[in-house]
Amino acid sequence: MFNLDNIMHLSAFVSIVFLITGFIMYKFPPKKINYLYGYRTNASMKSQERWDFSQKYSSIQMMFTAIKLFILSLILPWFNESFKTNIFLQIVIVIVAVGFMFYKIEKAIKINFPNE
C-alpha cells in the first residue's frame, strides 16, 4: 500500500536509481547513435565521436549526482521537520540536480567539440 511517509525518502530513492542507471550506462554504453538507450540530445547525436564522449561523461555525471543527492537526503531531514516543506524541498533539489547535470554535460560537449 502507498504510504506518504515513503515520499520522505524521495531524493534517496532517486539517488539510488541514478547510481544504478549511471553504472549500467558506464559499463554497457550504447555503441551506436540511437533513439532508445543512452544520453540522447541533439548535441550528443551529431557525430559518433560526440555520442561516445557524451555516453561516458553523462554516466559519470549521473553517478556523481546520485552521491550528492544521497548525501542531501541524509542531511535535509535534520533541518526541517515539516512534512510538506521536506517533500517540496526534495522535489526542488531533484529537479535542480537533474537540470544542473544536463547543463554540465551539454557544456562539456560544447567545450570538447567546439568546431562541430
PDB file of N, CA and C in Angstrom:
ATOM      1  N   MET A   1       0.830  -1.185   0.000  1.00  0.00           N
ATOM      2  CA  MET A   1       0.000   0.000   0.000  1.00  0.00           C
ATOM      3  C   MET A   1       0.871   1.243   0.000  1.00  0.00           C
ATOM      4  N   PHE A   2       0.414   2.272  -0.653  1.00  0.00           N
ATOM      5  CA  PHE A   2       1.158   3.527  -0.727  1.00  0.00           C
ATOM      6  C   PHE A   2       1.082   4.250   0.606  1.00  0.00           C
ATOM      7  N   ASN A   3       2.232   4.667   1.085  1.00  0.00           N
ATOM      8  CA  ASN A   3       2.325   5.349   2.358  1.00  0.00           C
ATOM      9  C   ASN A   3       3.030   6.682   2.133  1.00  0.00           C
ATOM     10  N   LEU A   4       2.419   7.781   2.592  1.00  0.00           N
ATOM     11  CA  LEU A   4       3.011   9.096   2.391  1.00  0.00           C
ATOM     12  C   LEU A   4       4.369   9.241   3.059  1.00  0.00           C
ATOM     13  N   ASP A   5       4.624   8.483   4.101  1.00  0.00           N
ATOM     14  CA  ASP A   5       5.923   8.565   4.764  1.00  0.00           C
ATOM     15  C   ASP A   5       7.053   8.099   3.853  1.00  0.00           C
ATOM     16  N   ASN A   6       6.727   7.269   2.885  1.00  0.00           N
ATOM     17  CA  ASN A   6       7.755   6.789   1.955  1.00  0.00           C
ATOM     18  C   ASN A   6       8.269   7.906   1.055  1.00  0.00           C
ATOM     19  N   ILE A   7       7.461   8.919   0.820  1.00  0.00           N
ATOM     20  CA  ILE A   7       7.877  10.033  -0.020  1.00  0.00           C
ATOM     21  C   ILE A   7       8.983  10.834   0.665  1.00  0.00           C
ATOM     22  N   MET A   8       9.071  10.723   1.971  1.00  0.00           N
ATOM     23  CA  MET A   8      10.111  11.443   2.701  1.00  0.00           C
ATOM     24  C   MET A   8      11.498  11.080   2.195  1.00  0.00           C
ATOM     25  N   HIS A   9      11.636   9.943   1.585  1.00  0.00           N
ATOM     26  CA  HIS A   9      12.928   9.477   1.112  1.00  0.00           C
ATOM     27  C   HIS A   9      13.041   9.555  -0.409  1.00  0.00           C
ATOM     28  N   LEU A  10      12.330  10.505  -0.986  1.00  0.00           N
ATOM     29  CA  LEU A  10      12.303  10.667  -2.438  1.00  0.00           C
ATOM     30  C   LEU A  10      13.696  10.864  -3.019  1.00  0.00           C
ATOM     31  N   SER A  11      14.466  11.790  -2.475  1.00  0.00           N
ATOM     32  CA  SER A  11      15.789  12.056  -3.045  1.00  0.00           C
ATOM     33  C   SER A  11      16.734  10.872  -2.841  1.00  0.00           C
ATOM     34  N   ALA A  12      16.562  10.109  -1.775  1.00  0.00           N
ATOM     35  CA  ALA A  12      17.378   8.905  -1.577  1.00  0.00           C
ATOM     36  C   ALA A  12      17.031   7.867  -2.638  1.00  0.00           C
ATOM     37  N   PHE A  13      15.741   7.693  -2.919  1.00  0.00           N
ATOM     38  CA  PHE A  13      15.305   6.749  -3.947  1.00  0.00           C
ATOM     39  C   PHE A  13      15.831   7.166  -5.322  1.00  0.00           C
ATOM     40  N   VAL A  14      15.698   8.453  -5.646  1.00  0.00           N
ATOM     41  CA  VAL A  14      16.175   8.956  -6.935  1.00  0.00           C
ATOM     42  C   VAL A  14      17.687   8.759  -7.043  1.00  0.00           C
ATOM     43  N   SER A  15      18.398   8.984  -5.945  1.00  0.00           N
ATOM     44  CA  SER A  15      19.854   8.818  -5.986  1.00  0.00           C
ATOM     45  C   SER A  15      20.247   7.368  -6.250  1.00  0.00           C
ATOM     46  N   ILE A  16      19.519   6.428  -5.685  1.00  0.00           N
ATOM     47  CA  ILE A  16      19.811   5.014  -5.920  1.00  0.00           C
ATOM     48  C   ILE A  16      19.532   4.646  -7.376  1.00  0.00           C
ATOM     49  N   VAL A  17      18.429   5.154  -7.918  1.00  0.00           N
ATOM     50  CA  VAL A  17      18.102   4.909  -9.328  1.00  0.00           C
ATOM     51  C   VAL A  17      19.179   5.512 -10.228  1.00  0.00           C
ATOM     52  N   PHE A  18      19.617   6.741  -9.932  1.00  0.00           N
ATOM     53  CA  PHE A  18      20.671   7.385 -10.722  1.00  0.00           C
ATOM     54  C   PHE A  18      21.975   6.601 -10.640  1.00  0.00           C
ATOM     55  N   LEU A  19      22.313   6.142  -9.462  1.00  0.00           N
ATOM     56  CA  LEU A  19      23.569   5.406  -9.290  1.00  0.00           C
ATOM     57  C   LEU A  19      23.561   4.110 -10.103  1.00  0.00           C
ATOM     58  N   ILE A  20      22.472   3.367 -10.026  1.00  0.00           N
ATOM     59  CA  ILE A  20      22.359   2.111 -10.783  1.00  0.00           C
ATOM     60  C   ILE A  20      22.354   2.384 -12.283  1.00  0.00           C
ATOM     61  N   THR A  21      21.572   3.367 -12.709  1.00  0.00           N
ATOM     62  CA  THR A  21      21.497   3.702 -14.132  1.00  0.00           C
ATOM     63  C   THR A  21      22.837   4.193 -14.659  1.00  0.00           C
ATOM     64  N   GLY A  22      23.492   5.068 -13.886  1.00  0.00           N
ATOM     65  CA  GLY A  22      24.805   5.566 -14.297  1.00  0.00           C
ATOM     66  C   GLY A  22      25.823   4.451 -14.414  1.00  0.00           C
ATOM     67  N   PHE A  23      25.801   3.526 -13.470  1.00  0.00           N
ATOM     68  CA  PHE A  23      26.732   2.400 -13.504  1.00  0.00           C
ATOM     69  C   PHE A  23      26.473   1.507 -14.719  1.00  0.00           C
ATOM     70  N   ILE A  24      25.208   1.212 -14.988  1.00  0.00           N
ATOM     71  CA  ILE A  24      24.856   0.386 -16.149  1.00  0.00           C
ATOM     72  C   ILE A  24      25.285   1.075 -17.445  1.00  0.00           C
ATOM     73  N   MET A  25      25.020   2.382 -17.534  1.00  0.00           N
ATOM     74  CA  MET A  25      25.414   3.116 -18.745  1.00  0.00           C
ATOM     75  C   MET A  25      26.932   3.183 -18.895  1.00  0.00           C
ATOM     76  N   TYR A  26      27.645   3.240 -17.785  1.00  0.00           N
ATOM     77  CA  TYR A  26      29.104   3.282 -17.842  1.00  0.00           C
ATOM     78  C   TYR A  26      29.674   1.942 -18.302  1.00  0.00           C
ATOM     79  N   LYS A  27      29.126   0.861 -17.754  1.00  0.00           N
ATOM     80  CA  LYS A  27      29.620  -0.476 -18.096  1.00  0.00           C
ATOM     81  C   LYS A  27      29.138  -0.957 -19.467  1.00  0.00           C
ATOM     82  N   PHE A  28      27.929  -0.560 -19.843  1.00  0.00           N
ATOM     83  CA  PHE A  28      27.337  -1.014 -21.106  1.00  0.00           C
ATOM     84  C   PHE A  28      26.821   0.175 -21.916  1.00  0.00           C
ATOM     85  N   PRO A  29      27.720   1.046 -22.380  1.00  0.00           N
ATOM     86  CA  PRO A  29      27.252   2.209 -23.145  1.00  0.00           C
ATOM     87  C   PRO A  29      26.738   1.778 -24.517  1.00  0.00           C
ATOM     88  N   PRO A  30      25.779   2.514 -25.046  1.00  0.00           N
ATOM     89  CA  PRO A  30      25.313   2.181 -26.394  1.00  0.00           C
ATOM     90  C   PRO A  30      26.422   2.456 -27.401  1.00  0.00           C
ATOM     91  N   LYS A  31      26.645   1.521 -28.270  1.00  0.00           N
ATOM     92  CA  LYS A  31      27.756   1.624 -29.223  1.00  0.00           C
ATOM     93  C   LYS A  31      27.453   2.584 -30.366  1.00  0.00           C
ATOM     94  N   LYS A  32      26.221   2.570 -30.828  1.00  0.00           N
ATOM     95  CA  LYS A  32      25.841   3.389 -31.972  1.00  0.00           C
ATOM     96  C   LYS A  32      24.771   4.390 -31.566  1.00  0.00           C
ATOM     97  N   ILE A  33      24.715   5.484 -32.290  1.00  0.00           N
ATOM     98  CA  ILE A  33      23.704   6.509 -32.039  1.00  0.00           C
ATOM     99  C   ILE A  33      22.325   5.884 -32.239  1.00  0.00           C
ATOM    100  N   ASN A  34      21.459   6.067 -31.256  1.00  0.00           N
ATOM    101  CA  ASN A  34      20.110   5.513 -31.340  1.00  0.00           C
ATOM    102  C   ASN A  34      19.141   6.409 -30.574  1.00  0.00           C
ATOM    103  N   TYR A  35      17.863   6.152 -30.737  1.00  0.00           N
ATOM    104  CA  TYR A  35      16.832   6.940 -30.072  1.00  0.00           C
ATOM    105  C   TYR A  35      16.197   6.197 -28.903  1.00  0.00           C
ATOM    106  N   LEU A  36      16.806   5.085 -28.477  1.00  0.00           N
ATOM    107  CA  LEU A  36      16.208   4.259 -27.445  1.00  0.00           C
ATOM    108  C   LEU A  36      16.972   4.280 -26.135  1.00  0.00           C
ATOM    109  N   TYR A  37      18.293   4.192 -26.193  1.00  0.00           N
ATOM    110  CA  TYR A  37      19.094   3.978 -24.988  1.00  0.00           C
ATOM    111  C   TYR A  37      20.310   4.882 -24.987  1.00  0.00           C
ATOM    112  N   GLY A  38      20.546   5.586 -23.893  1.00  0.00           N
ATOM    113  CA  GLY A  38      21.719   6.431 -23.753  1.00  0.00           C
ATOM    114  C   GLY A  38      21.346   7.873 -23.522  1.00  0.00           C
ATOM    115  N   TYR A  39      22.371   8.727 -23.463  1.00  0.00           N
ATOM    116  CA  TYR A  39      22.171  10.165 -23.316  1.00  0.00           C
ATOM    117  C   TYR A  39      21.881  10.723 -24.698  1.00  0.00           C
ATOM    118  N   ARG A  40      20.617  11.072 -24.940  1.00  0.00           N
ATOM    119  CA  ARG A  40      20.169  11.442 -26.272  1.00  0.00           C
ATOM    120  C   ARG A  40      19.734  12.906 -26.320  1.00  0.00           C
ATOM    121  N   THR A  41      20.600  13.748 -26.845  1.00  0.00           N
ATOM    122  CA  THR A  41      20.241  15.141 -27.114  1.00  0.00           C
ATOM    123  C   THR A  41      20.743  15.467 -28.517  1.00  0.00           C
ATOM    124  N   ASN A  42      20.307  16.605 -29.039  1.00  0.00           N
ATOM    125  CA  ASN A  42      20.781  17.000 -30.374  1.00  0.00           C
ATOM    126  C   ASN A  42      22.293  17.111 -30.397  1.00  0.00           C
ATOM    127  N   ALA A  43      22.877  17.669 -29.346  1.00  0.00           N
ATOM    128  CA  ALA A  43      24.335  17.848 -29.294  1.00  0.00           C
ATOM    129  C   ALA A  43      25.065  16.512 -29.244  1.00  0.00           C
ATOM    130  N   SER A  44      24.528  15.561 -28.509  1.00  0.00           N
ATOM    131  CA  SER A  44      25.224  14.280 -28.367  1.00  0.00           C
ATOM    132  C   SER A  44      25.065  13.385 -29.594  1.00  0.00           C
ATOM    133  N   MET A  45      24.077  13.661 -30.420  1.00  0.00           N
ATOM    134  CA  MET A  45      23.801  12.788 -31.557  1.00  0.00           C
ATOM    135  C   MET A  45      24.334  13.325 -32.888  1.00  0.00           C
ATOM    136  N   LYS A  46      25.137  14.373 -32.845  1.00  0.00           N
ATOM    137  CA  LYS A  46      25.653  14.963 -34.085  1.00  0.00           C
ATOM    138  C   LYS A  46      26.722  14.119 -34.761  1.00  0.00           C
ATOM    139  N   SER A  47      27.476  13.365 -33.986  1.00  0.00           N
ATOM    140  CA  SER A  47      28.511  12.506 -34.567  1.00  0.00           C
ATOM    141  C   SER A  47      28.769  11.333 -33.629  1.00  0.00           C
ATOM    142  N   GLN A  48      29.404  10.313 -34.147  1.00  0.00           N
ATOM    143  CA  GLN A  48      29.718   9.141 -33.328  1.00  0.00           C
ATOM    144  C   GLN A  48      30.703   9.501 -32.218  1.00  0.00           C
ATOM    145  N   GLU A  49      31.645  10.385 -32.528  1.00  0.00           N
ATOM    146  CA  GLU A  49      32.624  10.800 -31.526  1.00  0.00           C
ATOM    147  C   GLU A  49      31.946  11.542 -30.360  1.00  0.00           C
ATOM    148  N   ARG A  50      31.028  12.439 -30.677  1.00  0.00           N
ATOM    149  CA  ARG A  50      30.248  13.130 -29.639  1.00  0.00           C
ATOM    150  C   ARG A  50      29.424  12.133 -28.842  1.00  0.00           C
ATOM    151  N   TRP A  51      28.820  11.201 -29.538  1.00  0.00           N
ATOM    152  CA  TRP A  51      27.987  10.189 -28.894  1.00  0.00           C
ATOM    153  C   TRP A  51      28.791   9.401 -27.869  1.00  0.00           C
ATOM    154  N   ASP A  52      29.948   8.907 -28.284  1.00  0.00           N
ATOM    155  CA  ASP A  52      30.787   8.111 -27.386  1.00  0.00           C
ATOM    156  C   ASP A  52      31.215   8.930 -26.167  1.00  0.00           C
ATOM    157  N   PHE A  53      31.630  10.175 -26.401  1.00  0.00           N
ATOM    158  CA  PHE A  53      32.028  11.040 -25.294  1.00  0.00           C
ATOM    159  C   PHE A  53      30.865  11.290 -24.342  1.00  0.00           C
ATOM    160  N   SER A  54      29.715  11.635 -24.891  1.00  0.00           N
ATOM    161  CA  SER A  54      28.575  12.004 -24.044  1.00  0.00           C
ATOM    162  C   SER A  54      28.041  10.817 -23.241  1.00  0.00           C
ATOM    163  N   GLN A  55      28.158   9.602 -23.763  1.00  0.00           N
ATOM    164  CA  GLN A  55      27.688   8.437 -23.018  1.00  0.00           C
ATOM    165  C   GLN A  55      28.540   8.212 -21.777  1.00  0.00           C
ATOM    166  N   LYS A  56      29.849   8.283 -21.956  1.00  0.00           N
ATOM    167  CA  LYS A  56      30.746   8.073 -20.819  1.00  0.00           C
ATOM    168  C   LYS A  56      30.636   9.220 -19.814  1.00  0.00           C
ATOM    169  N   TYR A  57      30.667  10.444 -20.315  1.00  0.00           N
ATOM    170  CA  TYR A  57      30.630  11.614 -19.433  1.00  0.00           C
ATOM    171  C   TYR A  57      29.301  11.696 -18.676  1.00  0.00           C
ATOM    172  N   SER A  58      28.205  11.433 -19.374  1.00  0.00           N
ATOM    173  CA  SER A  58      26.899  11.532 -18.707  1.00  0.00           C
ATOM    174  C   SER A  58      26.722  10.450 -17.643  1.00  0.00           C
ATOM    175  N   SER A  59      27.256   9.269 -17.879  1.00  0.00           N
ATOM    176  CA  SER A  59      27.128   8.209 -16.872  1.00  0.00           C
ATOM    177  C   SER A  59      27.927   8.564 -15.615  1.00  0.00           C
ATOM    178  N   ILE A  60      29.093   9.150 -15.786  1.00  0.00           N
ATOM    179  CA  ILE A  60      29.890   9.587 -14.638  1.00  0.00           C
ATOM    180  C   ILE A  60      29.175  10.714 -13.895  1.00  0.00           C
ATOM    181  N   GLN A  61      28.637  11.677 -14.634  1.00  0.00           N
ATOM    182  CA  GLN A  61      27.914  12.781 -14.002  1.00  0.00           C
ATOM    183  C   GLN A  61      26.669  12.284 -13.270  1.00  0.00           C
ATOM    184  N   MET A  62      26.013  11.285 -13.826  1.00  0.00           N
ATOM    185  CA  MET A  62      24.823  10.732 -13.170  1.00  0.00           C
ATOM    186  C   MET A  62      25.197  10.086 -11.838  1.00  0.00           C
ATOM    187  N   MET A  63      26.324   9.386 -11.811  1.00  0.00           N
ATOM    188  CA  MET A  63      26.748   8.755 -10.557  1.00  0.00           C
ATOM    189  C   MET A  63      27.171   9.803  -9.525  1.00  0.00           C
ATOM    190  N   PHE A  64      27.855  10.868  -9.961  1.00  0.00           N
ATOM    191  CA  PHE A  64      28.208  11.950  -9.037  1.00  0.00           C
ATOM    192  C   PHE A  64      26.959  12.646  -8.497  1.00  0.00           C
ATOM    193  N   THR A  65      25.990  12.874  -9.371  1.00  0.00           N
ATOM    194  CA  THR A  65      24.735  13.491  -8.946  1.00  0.00           C
ATOM    195  C   THR A  65      24.022  12.590  -7.942  1.00  0.00           C
ATOM    196  N   ALA A  66      24.071  11.292  -8.164  1.00  0.00           N
ATOM    197  CA  ALA A  66      23.448  10.341  -7.236  1.00  0.00           C
ATOM    198  C   ALA A  66      24.070  10.439  -5.849  1.00  0.00           C
ATOM    199  N   ILE A  67      25.376  10.523  -5.792  1.00  0.00           N
ATOM    200  CA  ILE A  67      26.054  10.614  -4.492  1.00  0.00           C
ATOM    201  C   ILE A  67      25.668  11.907  -3.779  1.00  0.00           C
ATOM    202  N   LYS A  68      25.646  13.012  -4.513  1.00  0.00           N
ATOM    203  CA  LYS A  68      25.271  14.302  -3.922  1.00  0.00           C
ATOM    204  C   LYS A  68      23.831  14.270  -3.418  1.00  0.00           C
ATOM    205  N   LEU A  69      22.915  13.709  -4.216  1.00  0.00           N
ATOM    206  CA  LEU A  69      21.516  13.617  -3.787  1.00  0.00           C
ATOM    207  C   LEU A  69      21.363  12.745  -2.553  1.00  0.00           C
ATOM    208  N   PHE A  70      22.110  11.666  -2.490  1.00  0.00           N
ATOM    209  CA  PHE A  70      22.011  10.781  -1.332  1.00  0.00           C
ATOM    210  C   PHE A  70      22.485  11.490  -0.069  1.00  0.00           C
ATOM    211  N   ILE A  71      23.583  12.211  -0.170  1.00  0.00           N
ATOM    212  CA  ILE A  71      24.080  12.964   0.990  1.00  0.00           C
ATOM    213  C   ILE A  71      23.052  14.002   1.419  1.00  0.00           C
ATOM    214  N   LEU A  72      22.471  14.707   0.457  1.00  0.00           N
ATOM    215  CA  LEU A  72      21.431  15.686   0.792  1.00  0.00           C
ATOM    216  C   LEU A  72      20.211  15.029   1.428  1.00  0.00           C
ATOM    217  N   SER A  73      19.877  13.824   0.979  1.00  0.00           N
ATOM    218  CA  SER A  73      18.715  13.136   1.551  1.00  0.00           C
ATOM    219  C   SER A  73      18.958  12.759   3.011  1.00  0.00           C
ATOM    220  N   LEU A  74      20.221  12.584   3.385  1.00  0.00           N
ATOM    221  CA  LEU A  74      20.547  12.283   4.781  1.00  0.00           C
ATOM    222  C   LEU A  74      20.561  13.542   5.645  1.00  0.00           C
ATOM    223  N   ILE A  75      20.958  14.662   5.056  1.00  0.00           N
ATOM    224  CA  ILE A  75      21.103  15.905   5.802  1.00  0.00           C
ATOM    225  C   ILE A  75      19.786  16.666   5.926  1.00  0.00           C
ATOM    226  N   LEU A  76      19.003  16.713   4.858  1.00  0.00           N
ATOM    227  CA  LEU A  76      17.796  17.547   4.802  1.00  0.00           C
ATOM    228  C   LEU A  76      16.820  17.338   5.958  1.00  0.00           C
ATOM    229  N   PRO A  77      16.491  16.122   6.349  1.00  0.00           N
ATOM    230  CA  PRO A  77      15.512  15.951   7.440  1.00  0.00           C
ATOM    231  C   PRO A  77      15.963  16.553   8.778  1.00  0.00           C
ATOM    232  N   TRP A  78      17.228  16.751   8.977  1.00  0.00           N
ATOM    233  CA  TRP A  78      17.709  17.335  10.235  1.00  0.00           C
ATOM    234  C   TRP A  78      17.381  18.813  10.347  1.00  0.00           C
ATOM    235  N   PHE A  79      17.207  19.481   9.212  1.00  0.00           N
ATOM    236  CA  PHE A  79      16.990  20.924   9.216  1.00  0.00           C
ATOM    237  C   PHE A  79      15.520  21.322   9.166  1.00  0.00           C
ATOM    238  N   ASN A  80      14.668  20.395   8.801  1.00  0.00           N
ATOM    239  CA  ASN A  80      13.264  20.754   8.683  1.00  0.00           C
ATOM    240  C   ASN A  80      12.403  19.562   9.046  1.00  0.00           C
ATOM    241  N   GLU A  81      11.527  19.752   9.988  1.00  0.00           N
ATOM    242  CA  GLU A  81      10.661  18.664  10.430  1.00  0.00           C
ATOM    243  C   GLU A  81       9.291  18.673   9.767  1.00  0.00           C
ATOM    244  N   SER A  82       8.966  19.740   9.056  1.00  0.00           N
ATOM    245  CA  SER A  82       7.669  19.836   8.398  1.00  0.00           C
ATOM    246  C   SER A  82       7.617  18.885   7.207  1.00  0.00           C
ATOM    247  N   PHE A  83       6.603  18.028   7.192  1.00  0.00           N
ATOM    248  CA  PHE A  83       6.463  17.033   6.125  1.00  0.00           C
ATOM    249  C   PHE A  83       6.320  17.696   4.761  1.00  0.00           C
ATOM    250  N   LYS A  84       5.405  18.669   4.641  1.00  0.00           N
ATOM    251  CA  LYS A  84       5.160  19.318   3.353  1.00  0.00           C
ATOM    252  C   LYS A  84       6.379  20.080   2.858  1.00  0.00           C
ATOM    253  N   THR A  85       7.056  20.771   3.738  1.00  0.00           N
ATOM    254  CA  THR A  85       8.248  21.518   3.349  1.00  0.00           C
ATOM    255  C   THR A  85       9.355  20.567   2.920  1.00  0.00           C
ATOM    256  N   ASN A  86       9.501  19.468   3.635  1.00  0.00           N
ATOM    257  CA  ASN A  86      10.526  18.488   3.314  1.00  0.00           C
ATOM    258  C   ASN A  86      10.285  17.886   1.928  1.00  0.00           C
ATOM    259  N   ILE A  87       9.055  17.549   1.634  1.00  0.00           N
ATOM    260  CA  ILE A  87       8.713  16.991   0.317  1.00  0.00           C
ATOM    261  C   ILE A  87       9.001  18.012  -0.776  1.00  0.00           C
ATOM    262  N   PHE A  88       8.548  19.248  -0.544  1.00  0.00           N
ATOM    263  CA  PHE A  88       8.762  20.306  -1.520  1.00  0.00           C
ATOM    264  C   PHE A  88      10.256  20.503  -1.780  1.00  0.00           C
ATOM    265  N   LEU A  89      11.056  20.581  -0.731  1.00  0.00           N
ATOM    266  CA  LEU A  89      12.497  20.773  -0.879  1.00  0.00           C
ATOM    267  C   LEU A  89      13.147  19.610  -1.618  1.00  0.00           C
ATOM    268  N   GLN A  90      12.717  18.401  -1.335  1.00  0.00           N
ATOM    269  CA  GLN A  90      13.292  17.238  -2.023  1.00  0.00           C
ATOM    270  C   GLN A  90      12.973  17.276  -3.517  1.00  0.00           C
ATOM    271  N   ILE A  91      11.760  17.633  -3.854  1.00  0.00           N
ATOM    272  CA  ILE A  91      11.377  17.713  -5.270  1.00  0.00           C
ATOM    273  C   ILE A  91      12.186  18.802  -5.968  1.00  0.00           C
ATOM    274  N   VAL A  92      12.307  19.959  -5.328  1.00  0.00           N
ATOM    275  CA  VAL A  92      13.082  21.054  -5.914  1.00  0.00           C
ATOM    276  C   VAL A  92      14.544  20.653  -6.077  1.00  0.00           C
ATOM    277  N   ILE A  93      15.113  20.016  -5.070  1.00  0.00           N
ATOM    278  CA  ILE A  93      16.517  19.595  -5.132  1.00  0.00           C
ATOM    279  C   ILE A  93      16.740  18.600  -6.266  1.00  0.00           C
ATOM    280  N   VAL A  94      15.834  17.648  -6.431  1.00  0.00           N
ATOM    281  CA  VAL A  94      15.981  16.661  -7.508  1.00  0.00           C
ATOM    282  C   VAL A  94      15.888  17.348  -8.870  1.00  0.00           C
ATOM    283  N   ILE A  95      14.934  18.254  -9.044  1.00  0.00           N
ATOM    284  CA  ILE A  95      14.780  18.962 -10.323  1.00  0.00           C
ATOM    285  C   ILE A  95      16.007  19.814 -10.620  1.00  0.00           C
ATOM    286  N   VAL A  96      16.491  20.543  -9.633  1.00  0.00           N
ATOM    287  CA  VAL A  96      17.682  21.382  -9.826  1.00  0.00           C
ATOM    288  C   VAL A  96      18.901  20.509 -10.130  1.00  0.00           C
ATOM    289  N   ALA A  97      19.047  19.396  -9.424  1.00  0.00           N
ATOM    290  CA  ALA A  97      20.190  18.500  -9.642  1.00  0.00           C
ATOM    291  C   ALA A  97      20.169  17.935 -11.062  1.00  0.00           C
ATOM    292  N   VAL A  98      19.017  17.516 -11.535  1.00  0.00           N
ATOM    293  CA  VAL A  98      18.909  16.981 -12.898  1.00  0.00           C
ATOM    294  C   VAL A  98      19.191  18.082 -13.927  1.00  0.00           C
ATOM    295  N   GLY A  99      18.642  19.265 -13.704  1.00  0.00           N
ATOM    296  CA  GLY A  99      18.901  20.383 -14.612  1.00  0.00           C
ATOM    297  C   GLY A  99      20.369  20.748 -14.664  1.00  0.00           C
ATOM    298  N   PHE A 100      21.010  20.796 -13.508  1.00  0.00           N
ATOM    299  CA  PHE A 100      22.435  21.119 -13.442  1.00  0.00           C
ATOM    300  C   PHE A 100      23.267  20.026 -14.106  1.00  0.00           C
ATOM    301  N   MET A 101      22.858  18.777 -13.931  1.00  0.00           N
ATOM    302  CA  MET A 101      23.565  17.665 -14.560  1.00  0.00           C
ATOM    303  C   MET A 101      23.509  17.803 -16.091  1.00  0.00           C
ATOM    304  N   PHE A 102      22.324  18.077 -16.642  1.00  0.00           N
ATOM    305  CA  PHE A 102      22.195  18.266 -18.086  1.00  0.00           C
ATOM    306  C   PHE A 102      23.027  19.455 -18.557  1.00  0.00           C
ATOM    307  N   TYR A 103      23.011  20.533 -17.789  1.00  0.00           N
ATOM    308  CA  TYR A 103      23.797  21.720 -18.142  1.00  0.00           C
ATOM    309  C   TYR A 103      25.280  21.380 -18.218  1.00  0.00           C
ATOM    310  N   LYS A 104      25.799  20.670 -17.217  1.00  0.00           N
ATOM    311  CA  LYS A 104      27.215  20.306 -17.200  1.00  0.00           C
ATOM    312  C   LYS A 104      27.582  19.409 -18.378  1.00  0.00           C
ATOM    313  N   ILE A 105      26.715  18.467 -18.699  1.00  0.00           N
ATOM    314  CA  ILE A 105      27.002  17.546 -19.807  1.00  0.00           C
ATOM    315  C   ILE A 105      27.009  18.300 -21.136  1.00  0.00           C
ATOM    316  N   GLU A 106      26.006  19.131 -21.359  1.00  0.00           N
ATOM    317  CA  GLU A 106      25.929  19.885 -22.609  1.00  0.00           C
ATOM    318  C   GLU A 106      27.108  20.853 -22.729  1.00  0.00           C
ATOM    319  N   LYS A 107      27.510  21.469 -21.632  1.00  0.00           N
ATOM    320  CA  LYS A 107      28.655  22.374 -21.640  1.00  0.00           C
ATOM    321  C   LYS A 107      29.936  21.608 -21.976  1.00  0.00           C
ATOM    322  N   ALA A 108      30.099  20.425 -21.409  1.00  0.00           N
ATOM    323  CA  ALA A 108      31.286  19.598 -21.679  1.00  0.00           C
ATOM    324  C   ALA A 108      31.327  19.189 -23.142  1.00  0.00           C
ATOM    325  N   ILE A 109      30.184  18.888 -23.728  1.00  0.00           N
ATOM    326  CA  ILE A 109      30.133  18.532 -25.160  1.00  0.00           C
ATOM    327  C   ILE A 109      30.581  19.722 -25.999  1.00  0.00           C
ATOM    328  N   LYS A 110      30.074  20.925 -25.676  1.00  0.00           N
ATOM    329  CA  LYS A 110      30.458  22.117 -26.439  1.00  0.00           C
ATOM    330  C   LYS A 110      31.944  22.434 -26.293  1.00  0.00           C
ATOM    331  N   ILE A 111      32.488  22.238 -25.106  1.00  0.00           N
ATOM    332  CA  ILE A 111      33.914  22.515 -24.871  1.00  0.00           C
ATOM    333  C   ILE A 111      34.791  21.519 -25.624  1.00  0.00           C
ATOM    334  N   ASN A 112      34.404  20.249 -25.614  1.00  0.00           N
ATOM    335  CA  ASN A 112      35.220  19.202 -26.248  1.00  0.00           C
ATOM    336  C   ASN A 112      35.056  19.122 -27.761  1.00  0.00           C
ATOM    337  N   PHE A 113      33.967  19.681 -28.276  1.00  0.00           N
ATOM    338  CA  PHE A 113      33.705  19.654 -29.715  1.00  0.00           C
ATOM    339  C   PHE A 113      33.296  21.044 -30.186  1.00  0.00           C
ATOM    340  N   PRO A 114      34.217  22.017 -30.119  1.00  0.00           N
ATOM    341  CA  PRO A 114      33.845  23.404 -30.415  1.00  0.00           C
ATOM    342  C   PRO A 114      33.581  23.681 -31.898  1.00  0.00           C
ATOM    343  N   ASN A 115      34.167  22.931 -32.792  1.00  0.00           N
ATOM    344  CA  ASN A 115      34.051  23.221 -34.229  1.00  0.00           C
ATOM    345  C   ASN A 115      32.979  22.404 -34.936  1.00  0.00           C
ATOM    346  N   GLU A 116      32.252  21.612 -34.193  1.00  0.00           N
ATOM    347  CA  GLU A 116      31.229  20.785 -34.865  1.00  0.00           C
ATOM    348  C   GLU A 116      29.870  21.400 -34.712  1.00  0.00           C
TER     349      GLU A 116
END
